[in-house]
N, C-alpha and C. Protein backbone atom coordinates (compact mmCIF):
# COMPACT_ATOMS: atom_id res chain seq x y z
N UNK A 1 -129.89 54.96 -26.41
CA UNK A 1 -130.45 55.91 -25.49
C UNK A 1 -129.89 55.80 -24.08
N UNK A 2 -129.71 54.56 -23.66
CA UNK A 2 -129.14 54.33 -22.34
C UNK A 2 -127.77 54.88 -22.24
N UNK A 3 -126.99 54.78 -23.37
CA UNK A 3 -125.62 55.29 -23.39
C UNK A 3 -125.59 56.80 -23.17
N UNK A 4 -126.57 57.52 -23.76
CA UNK A 4 -126.70 58.97 -23.59
C UNK A 4 -126.97 59.35 -22.17
N UNK A 5 -127.84 58.58 -21.53
CA UNK A 5 -128.21 58.85 -20.13
C UNK A 5 -127.01 58.63 -19.23
N UNK A 6 -126.29 57.57 -19.46
CA UNK A 6 -125.10 57.32 -18.68
C UNK A 6 -124.07 58.44 -18.83
N UNK A 7 -123.93 58.91 -20.04
CA UNK A 7 -122.95 59.95 -20.27
C UNK A 7 -123.39 61.25 -19.55
N UNK A 8 -124.72 61.55 -19.57
CA UNK A 8 -125.21 62.75 -18.90
C UNK A 8 -124.96 62.65 -17.38
N UNK A 9 -125.27 61.49 -16.80
CA UNK A 9 -124.99 61.26 -15.39
C UNK A 9 -123.50 61.44 -15.07
N UNK A 10 -122.68 60.94 -15.93
CA UNK A 10 -121.27 60.98 -15.74
C UNK A 10 -120.76 62.41 -15.82
N UNK A 11 -121.30 63.22 -16.77
CA UNK A 11 -120.84 64.62 -16.91
C UNK A 11 -121.25 65.47 -15.74
N UNK A 12 -122.39 65.26 -15.14
CA UNK A 12 -122.84 66.09 -14.01
C UNK A 12 -122.10 65.78 -12.76
N UNK A 13 -121.44 64.64 -12.67
CA UNK A 13 -120.72 64.31 -11.45
C UNK A 13 -119.31 64.80 -11.48
N UNK A 14 -118.83 65.25 -12.61
CA UNK A 14 -117.40 65.75 -12.73
C UNK A 14 -117.30 67.11 -12.15
N UNK A 15 -116.70 67.20 -10.95
CA UNK A 15 -116.33 68.49 -10.36
C UNK A 15 -117.46 69.42 -10.03
N UNK A 16 -118.68 69.04 -10.20
CA UNK A 16 -119.83 69.93 -9.88
C UNK A 16 -120.35 69.58 -8.52
N UNK A 17 -120.74 70.60 -7.80
CA UNK A 17 -121.28 70.40 -6.47
C UNK A 17 -122.76 70.19 -6.57
N UNK A 18 -123.32 69.35 -5.70
CA UNK A 18 -124.78 69.12 -5.75
C UNK A 18 -125.54 70.39 -5.44
N UNK A 19 -126.71 70.52 -6.00
CA UNK A 19 -127.56 71.72 -5.81
C UNK A 19 -128.82 71.33 -5.13
N UNK A 20 -129.34 72.30 -4.36
CA UNK A 20 -130.65 72.08 -3.72
C UNK A 20 -131.74 72.59 -4.63
N UNK A 21 -133.01 72.64 -4.15
CA UNK A 21 -134.14 72.97 -4.96
C UNK A 21 -134.08 74.40 -5.54
N UNK A 22 -133.37 75.29 -4.80
CA UNK A 22 -133.27 76.68 -5.29
C UNK A 22 -132.24 76.84 -6.41
N UNK A 23 -131.44 75.78 -6.65
CA UNK A 23 -130.43 75.87 -7.70
C UNK A 23 -129.09 76.34 -7.18
N UNK A 24 -128.95 76.47 -5.88
CA UNK A 24 -127.68 76.93 -5.32
C UNK A 24 -127.06 75.75 -4.60
N UNK A 25 -125.77 75.77 -4.50
CA UNK A 25 -125.03 74.70 -3.77
C UNK A 25 -125.22 74.91 -2.28
N UNK A 26 -125.48 73.83 -1.52
CA UNK A 26 -125.60 74.00 -0.09
C UNK A 26 -124.25 74.33 0.48
N UNK A 27 -124.27 75.18 1.57
CA UNK A 27 -123.05 75.57 2.22
C UNK A 27 -122.59 74.47 3.17
N UNK A 28 -121.31 74.27 3.18
CA UNK A 28 -120.77 73.27 4.08
C UNK A 28 -120.27 73.96 5.35
N UNK A 29 -120.28 73.23 6.44
CA UNK A 29 -119.80 73.84 7.69
C UNK A 29 -120.86 74.69 8.33
N UNK A 30 -120.42 75.56 9.20
CA UNK A 30 -121.31 76.47 9.94
C UNK A 30 -121.52 77.75 9.18
N UNK A 31 -122.76 78.06 8.86
CA UNK A 31 -123.06 79.32 8.20
C UNK A 31 -123.34 80.36 9.26
N UNK A 32 -123.01 81.63 8.96
CA UNK A 32 -123.39 82.69 9.91
C UNK A 32 -124.90 82.82 9.98
N UNK A 33 -125.43 82.85 11.17
CA UNK A 33 -126.87 83.02 11.34
C UNK A 33 -127.18 84.52 11.33
N UNK A 34 -128.20 84.88 10.64
CA UNK A 34 -128.64 86.26 10.54
C UNK A 34 -129.81 86.43 11.51
N UNK A 35 -129.64 87.38 12.43
CA UNK A 35 -130.76 87.60 13.35
C UNK A 35 -131.82 88.49 12.68
N UNK A 36 -132.99 88.27 13.09
CA UNK A 36 -134.09 89.11 12.51
C UNK A 36 -134.02 90.52 13.05
N UNK A 37 -134.49 91.45 12.25
CA UNK A 37 -134.51 92.85 12.60
C UNK A 37 -135.53 93.03 13.71
N UNK A 38 -135.10 93.67 14.77
CA UNK A 38 -136.02 93.90 15.91
C UNK A 38 -136.65 95.29 15.85
N UNK A 39 -136.18 96.15 14.94
CA UNK A 39 -136.69 97.51 14.84
C UNK A 39 -136.53 98.28 16.18
N UNK A 40 -135.52 97.88 16.95
CA UNK A 40 -135.25 98.51 18.21
C UNK A 40 -134.19 99.60 17.99
N UNK A 41 -134.49 100.84 18.34
CA UNK A 41 -133.60 101.93 18.14
C UNK A 41 -132.81 102.37 19.38
N UNK A 42 -133.11 101.76 20.48
CA UNK A 42 -132.45 102.11 21.74
C UNK A 42 -131.73 100.87 22.31
N UNK A 43 -130.60 101.03 22.93
CA UNK A 43 -129.91 99.89 23.56
C UNK A 43 -130.67 99.42 24.73
N UNK A 44 -130.60 98.11 25.05
CA UNK A 44 -131.30 97.60 26.21
C UNK A 44 -130.63 98.16 27.53
N UNK A 45 -129.31 98.22 27.53
CA UNK A 45 -128.61 98.84 28.66
C UNK A 45 -127.65 99.85 28.10
N UNK A 46 -127.73 101.05 28.61
CA UNK A 46 -126.84 102.11 28.16
C UNK A 46 -125.44 101.91 28.74
N UNK A 47 -124.46 102.21 27.95
CA UNK A 47 -123.04 102.03 28.41
C UNK A 47 -122.72 102.97 29.57
N UNK A 48 -122.02 102.47 30.56
CA UNK A 48 -121.61 103.29 31.70
C UNK A 48 -120.17 103.77 31.39
N UNK A 49 -120.07 105.06 31.11
CA UNK A 49 -118.79 105.67 30.77
C UNK A 49 -117.71 105.41 31.82
N UNK A 50 -118.10 105.53 33.04
CA UNK A 50 -117.15 105.33 34.16
C UNK A 50 -116.53 103.96 34.18
N UNK A 51 -117.31 102.95 33.85
CA UNK A 51 -116.83 101.57 33.81
C UNK A 51 -115.84 101.34 32.66
N UNK A 52 -116.19 101.95 31.53
CA UNK A 52 -115.24 101.88 30.36
C UNK A 52 -113.92 102.59 30.68
N UNK A 53 -113.99 103.76 31.26
CA UNK A 53 -112.79 104.52 31.60
C UNK A 53 -111.97 103.79 32.63
N UNK A 54 -112.60 103.23 33.63
CA UNK A 54 -111.82 102.48 34.68
C UNK A 54 -111.08 101.29 34.08
N UNK A 55 -111.70 100.53 33.15
CA UNK A 55 -111.04 99.42 32.50
C UNK A 55 -109.81 99.87 31.67
N UNK A 56 -110.04 100.94 30.85
CA UNK A 56 -108.97 101.46 30.00
C UNK A 56 -107.83 102.01 30.86
N UNK A 57 -108.16 102.74 31.91
CA UNK A 57 -107.14 103.31 32.74
C UNK A 57 -106.32 102.25 33.47
N UNK A 58 -107.02 101.22 33.97
CA UNK A 58 -106.29 100.16 34.69
C UNK A 58 -105.35 99.40 33.76
N UNK A 59 -105.75 99.09 32.57
CA UNK A 59 -104.89 98.38 31.58
C UNK A 59 -103.75 99.26 31.18
N UNK A 60 -103.99 100.52 30.90
CA UNK A 60 -102.92 101.45 30.45
C UNK A 60 -101.87 101.61 31.56
N UNK A 61 -102.34 101.81 32.82
CA UNK A 61 -101.40 101.95 33.93
C UNK A 61 -100.62 100.69 34.19
N UNK A 62 -101.33 99.57 34.17
CA UNK A 62 -100.65 98.26 34.42
C UNK A 62 -99.51 98.03 33.44
N UNK A 63 -99.78 98.29 32.15
CA UNK A 63 -98.78 97.96 31.08
C UNK A 63 -97.62 98.96 31.07
N UNK A 64 -97.86 100.19 31.47
CA UNK A 64 -96.87 101.24 31.19
C UNK A 64 -96.20 101.87 32.42
N UNK A 65 -96.64 101.49 33.62
CA UNK A 65 -96.07 102.22 34.78
C UNK A 65 -94.54 102.09 34.94
N UNK A 66 -93.97 100.98 34.54
CA UNK A 66 -92.52 100.77 34.66
C UNK A 66 -91.80 100.91 33.33
N UNK A 67 -92.50 101.26 32.26
CA UNK A 67 -91.87 101.33 30.94
C UNK A 67 -91.18 102.64 30.71
N UNK A 68 -90.23 102.60 29.75
CA UNK A 68 -89.56 103.80 29.29
C UNK A 68 -89.79 103.89 27.78
N UNK A 69 -89.71 105.11 27.23
CA UNK A 69 -90.03 105.27 25.82
C UNK A 69 -88.94 104.63 24.92
N UNK A 70 -89.43 103.84 23.96
CA UNK A 70 -88.60 103.28 22.92
C UNK A 70 -89.40 103.40 21.61
N UNK A 71 -88.89 104.23 20.70
CA UNK A 71 -89.61 104.46 19.49
C UNK A 71 -89.79 103.22 18.63
N UNK A 72 -88.83 102.28 18.69
CA UNK A 72 -88.93 101.09 17.88
C UNK A 72 -90.04 100.15 18.32
N UNK A 73 -90.23 100.02 19.58
CA UNK A 73 -91.24 99.09 20.10
C UNK A 73 -92.62 99.75 20.41
N UNK A 74 -92.72 101.05 20.29
CA UNK A 74 -93.94 101.74 20.64
C UNK A 74 -95.12 101.26 19.81
N UNK A 75 -94.90 101.06 18.56
CA UNK A 75 -96.05 100.63 17.68
C UNK A 75 -96.60 99.31 18.13
N UNK A 76 -95.72 98.34 18.44
CA UNK A 76 -96.18 97.05 18.93
C UNK A 76 -96.89 97.18 20.30
N UNK A 77 -96.34 98.01 21.14
CA UNK A 77 -96.93 98.22 22.45
C UNK A 77 -98.30 98.86 22.33
N UNK A 78 -98.46 99.85 21.45
CA UNK A 78 -99.77 100.45 21.20
C UNK A 78 -100.80 99.38 20.72
N UNK A 79 -100.36 98.60 19.81
CA UNK A 79 -101.28 97.54 19.26
C UNK A 79 -101.70 96.56 20.32
N UNK A 80 -100.76 96.13 21.15
CA UNK A 80 -101.11 95.10 22.18
C UNK A 80 -102.00 95.71 23.25
N UNK A 81 -101.74 96.95 23.65
CA UNK A 81 -102.57 97.59 24.65
C UNK A 81 -103.97 97.84 24.11
N UNK A 82 -104.05 98.29 22.88
CA UNK A 82 -105.33 98.49 22.20
C UNK A 82 -106.14 97.22 22.14
N UNK A 83 -105.51 96.14 21.79
CA UNK A 83 -106.23 94.80 21.73
C UNK A 83 -106.68 94.39 23.11
N UNK A 84 -105.85 94.60 24.11
CA UNK A 84 -106.25 94.22 25.49
C UNK A 84 -107.43 95.05 26.00
N UNK A 85 -107.42 96.37 25.70
CA UNK A 85 -108.51 97.23 26.10
C UNK A 85 -109.80 96.80 25.37
N UNK A 86 -109.70 96.50 24.05
CA UNK A 86 -110.84 96.09 23.28
C UNK A 86 -111.46 94.79 23.86
N UNK A 87 -110.64 93.83 24.19
CA UNK A 87 -111.14 92.57 24.76
C UNK A 87 -111.80 92.83 26.08
N UNK A 88 -111.22 93.67 26.92
CA UNK A 88 -111.86 93.96 28.24
C UNK A 88 -113.18 94.64 28.06
N UNK A 89 -113.29 95.53 27.11
CA UNK A 89 -114.53 96.26 26.89
C UNK A 89 -115.61 95.31 26.34
N UNK A 90 -115.20 94.43 25.42
CA UNK A 90 -116.15 93.44 24.87
C UNK A 90 -116.65 92.51 25.94
N UNK A 91 -115.88 92.17 26.94
CA UNK A 91 -116.30 91.31 28.03
C UNK A 91 -117.45 91.90 28.84
N UNK A 92 -117.58 93.25 28.78
CA UNK A 92 -118.72 93.88 29.52
C UNK A 92 -120.05 93.51 28.82
N UNK A 93 -120.02 93.07 27.58
CA UNK A 93 -121.16 92.53 26.88
C UNK A 93 -122.33 93.47 26.74
N UNK A 94 -122.05 94.67 26.26
CA UNK A 94 -123.15 95.60 25.95
C UNK A 94 -123.72 95.18 24.62
N UNK A 95 -125.04 95.13 24.55
CA UNK A 95 -125.76 94.66 23.34
C UNK A 95 -125.72 95.72 22.24
N UNK A 96 -125.39 95.28 21.04
CA UNK A 96 -125.44 96.10 19.79
C UNK A 96 -124.50 97.31 19.84
N UNK A 97 -123.34 97.15 20.38
CA UNK A 97 -122.30 98.22 20.31
C UNK A 97 -121.07 97.70 19.59
N UNK A 98 -120.47 98.56 18.81
CA UNK A 98 -119.19 98.29 18.17
C UNK A 98 -118.21 99.25 18.81
N UNK A 99 -116.97 98.83 18.91
CA UNK A 99 -115.94 99.60 19.62
C UNK A 99 -114.77 99.93 18.71
N UNK A 100 -114.22 101.10 18.94
CA UNK A 100 -113.00 101.53 18.30
C UNK A 100 -112.03 101.96 19.41
N UNK A 101 -110.83 101.35 19.46
CA UNK A 101 -109.87 101.68 20.47
C UNK A 101 -108.62 102.17 19.81
N UNK A 102 -108.15 103.34 20.26
CA UNK A 102 -106.94 103.93 19.70
C UNK A 102 -105.96 104.26 20.86
N UNK A 103 -104.75 103.83 20.72
CA UNK A 103 -103.70 104.12 21.75
C UNK A 103 -102.57 104.86 21.10
N UNK A 104 -102.15 105.93 21.73
CA UNK A 104 -101.08 106.77 21.20
C UNK A 104 -100.00 106.93 22.31
N UNK A 105 -98.73 106.70 21.92
CA UNK A 105 -97.65 106.89 22.88
C UNK A 105 -96.70 107.94 22.23
N UNK A 106 -96.41 109.00 22.98
CA UNK A 106 -95.60 110.11 22.51
C UNK A 106 -94.48 110.37 23.48
N UNK A 107 -93.27 110.51 22.94
CA UNK A 107 -92.11 110.81 23.81
C UNK A 107 -92.23 112.25 24.36
N UNK A 108 -91.83 112.39 25.61
CA UNK A 108 -91.77 113.76 26.19
C UNK A 108 -90.49 114.43 25.69
N UNK A 109 -90.65 115.54 25.00
CA UNK A 109 -89.51 116.27 24.52
C UNK A 109 -89.84 117.76 24.53
N UNK A 110 -90.47 118.21 25.53
CA UNK A 110 -90.86 119.62 25.71
C UNK A 110 -91.58 120.19 24.52
N UNK A 111 -92.57 119.43 24.05
CA UNK A 111 -93.39 119.92 22.89
C UNK A 111 -94.86 119.82 23.28
N UNK A 112 -95.67 120.49 22.52
CA UNK A 112 -97.11 120.42 22.73
C UNK A 112 -97.68 119.35 21.80
N UNK A 113 -98.90 118.89 22.18
CA UNK A 113 -99.47 117.85 21.37
C UNK A 113 -101.02 118.14 21.33
N UNK A 114 -101.59 118.01 20.15
CA UNK A 114 -103.02 118.14 19.96
C UNK A 114 -103.50 116.91 19.22
N UNK A 115 -104.51 116.24 19.79
CA UNK A 115 -105.09 115.06 19.14
C UNK A 115 -106.55 115.39 18.80
N UNK A 116 -106.93 115.15 17.56
CA UNK A 116 -108.26 115.47 17.14
C UNK A 116 -108.79 114.30 16.27
N UNK A 117 -110.09 114.14 16.27
CA UNK A 117 -110.74 113.15 15.40
C UNK A 117 -112.10 113.66 14.99
N UNK A 118 -112.61 113.14 13.92
CA UNK A 118 -113.94 113.50 13.41
C UNK A 118 -114.66 112.26 13.04
N UNK A 119 -115.94 112.25 13.30
CA UNK A 119 -116.76 111.09 12.87
C UNK A 119 -118.26 111.48 12.93
N UNK A 120 -119.02 110.64 12.33
CA UNK A 120 -120.49 110.77 12.37
C UNK A 120 -120.93 110.20 13.71
N UNK A 121 -121.67 110.94 14.47
CA UNK A 121 -121.88 110.55 15.89
C UNK A 121 -123.38 110.73 16.21
N UNK A 122 -123.88 109.81 17.04
CA UNK A 122 -125.22 109.91 17.60
C UNK A 122 -125.04 110.23 19.10
N UNK A 123 -125.23 111.46 19.47
CA UNK A 123 -124.92 111.92 20.84
C UNK A 123 -125.76 111.18 21.91
N UNK A 124 -126.95 110.68 21.54
CA UNK A 124 -127.81 110.02 22.50
C UNK A 124 -127.37 108.60 22.82
N UNK A 125 -126.78 107.88 21.85
CA UNK A 125 -126.47 106.48 22.07
C UNK A 125 -125.04 106.18 22.02
N UNK A 126 -124.18 106.95 21.32
CA UNK A 126 -122.75 106.68 21.21
C UNK A 126 -122.04 107.43 22.34
N UNK A 127 -120.87 106.91 22.68
CA UNK A 127 -120.07 107.56 23.73
C UNK A 127 -118.58 107.28 23.51
N UNK A 128 -117.78 108.01 24.22
CA UNK A 128 -116.33 107.82 24.18
C UNK A 128 -115.73 108.14 25.54
N UNK A 129 -114.61 107.54 25.85
CA UNK A 129 -113.86 107.84 27.06
C UNK A 129 -112.38 107.87 26.71
N UNK A 130 -111.60 108.50 27.56
CA UNK A 130 -110.17 108.55 27.36
C UNK A 130 -109.48 108.18 28.64
N UNK A 131 -108.25 107.64 28.51
CA UNK A 131 -107.43 107.34 29.69
C UNK A 131 -106.02 107.83 29.37
N UNK A 132 -105.31 108.30 30.35
CA UNK A 132 -103.98 108.87 30.14
C UNK A 132 -103.01 108.28 31.17
N UNK A 133 -101.83 107.96 30.72
CA UNK A 133 -100.76 107.54 31.58
C UNK A 133 -99.49 108.31 31.25
N UNK A 134 -98.96 108.93 32.29
CA UNK A 134 -97.77 109.79 32.08
C UNK A 134 -96.59 109.27 32.90
N UNK A 135 -95.46 109.12 32.26
CA UNK A 135 -94.19 108.71 32.96
C UNK A 135 -93.15 109.80 32.76
N UNK A 136 -91.96 109.54 33.15
CA UNK A 136 -90.89 110.55 32.97
C UNK A 136 -90.48 110.69 31.52
N UNK A 137 -90.67 109.66 30.73
CA UNK A 137 -90.16 109.70 29.32
C UNK A 137 -91.23 109.77 28.24
N UNK A 138 -92.49 109.48 28.58
CA UNK A 138 -93.54 109.53 27.56
C UNK A 138 -94.93 109.76 28.15
N UNK A 139 -95.85 110.06 27.28
CA UNK A 139 -97.26 110.20 27.60
C UNK A 139 -98.04 109.20 26.73
N UNK A 140 -98.95 108.46 27.33
CA UNK A 140 -99.77 107.51 26.59
C UNK A 140 -101.25 107.94 26.73
N UNK A 141 -101.94 107.88 25.64
CA UNK A 141 -103.36 108.23 25.61
C UNK A 141 -104.16 107.12 24.95
N UNK A 142 -105.23 106.68 25.59
CA UNK A 142 -106.10 105.66 25.02
C UNK A 142 -107.46 106.29 24.85
N UNK A 143 -108.05 106.10 23.66
CA UNK A 143 -109.39 106.53 23.36
C UNK A 143 -110.25 105.31 23.08
N UNK A 144 -111.41 105.22 23.74
CA UNK A 144 -112.36 104.12 23.48
C UNK A 144 -113.66 104.72 23.04
N UNK A 145 -114.09 104.40 21.81
CA UNK A 145 -115.35 104.88 21.30
C UNK A 145 -116.31 103.75 21.17
N UNK A 146 -117.52 103.92 21.70
CA UNK A 146 -118.57 102.89 21.62
C UNK A 146 -119.68 103.44 20.74
N UNK A 147 -119.97 102.75 19.64
CA UNK A 147 -120.99 103.19 18.72
C UNK A 147 -122.15 102.19 18.69
N UNK A 148 -123.33 102.66 18.89
CA UNK A 148 -124.49 101.80 18.83
C UNK A 148 -124.93 101.55 17.40
N UNK A 149 -125.24 100.31 17.08
CA UNK A 149 -125.74 100.01 15.76
C UNK A 149 -127.00 99.19 15.90
N UNK A 150 -127.99 99.49 15.02
CA UNK A 150 -129.25 98.78 15.11
C UNK A 150 -129.45 97.84 13.95
């Protein structure tokens, strides 16, 4: 009988993780903490559109005022400007907002351009701003959308 018990102890220690009282393995490291639902439907502070637009415009102008259009590097430039605008907006620390930043760079070649987007929108809580930078060789447009989530 003792031999059977030793074998059972030996089998459970092979490659199996220890379990807690609920029968699940405890998580190692830092687990994401879930905050409790506050049932709050309004933001504590409403986003100031002017502040978002000023941040986006300043970054767009800073990065592009001396640049010329290059089709090969435009995608990388759009991504880096978009990331910088997103970080600047997040630093404003508005509670319970998610952001979408889109940057578009188009070569000037005597053509017209129309940019359109569609989404599900809450006009009372969500907002968007745009910033534009125009040089001799291209036009850059940045769109920043702030969506409230509860």
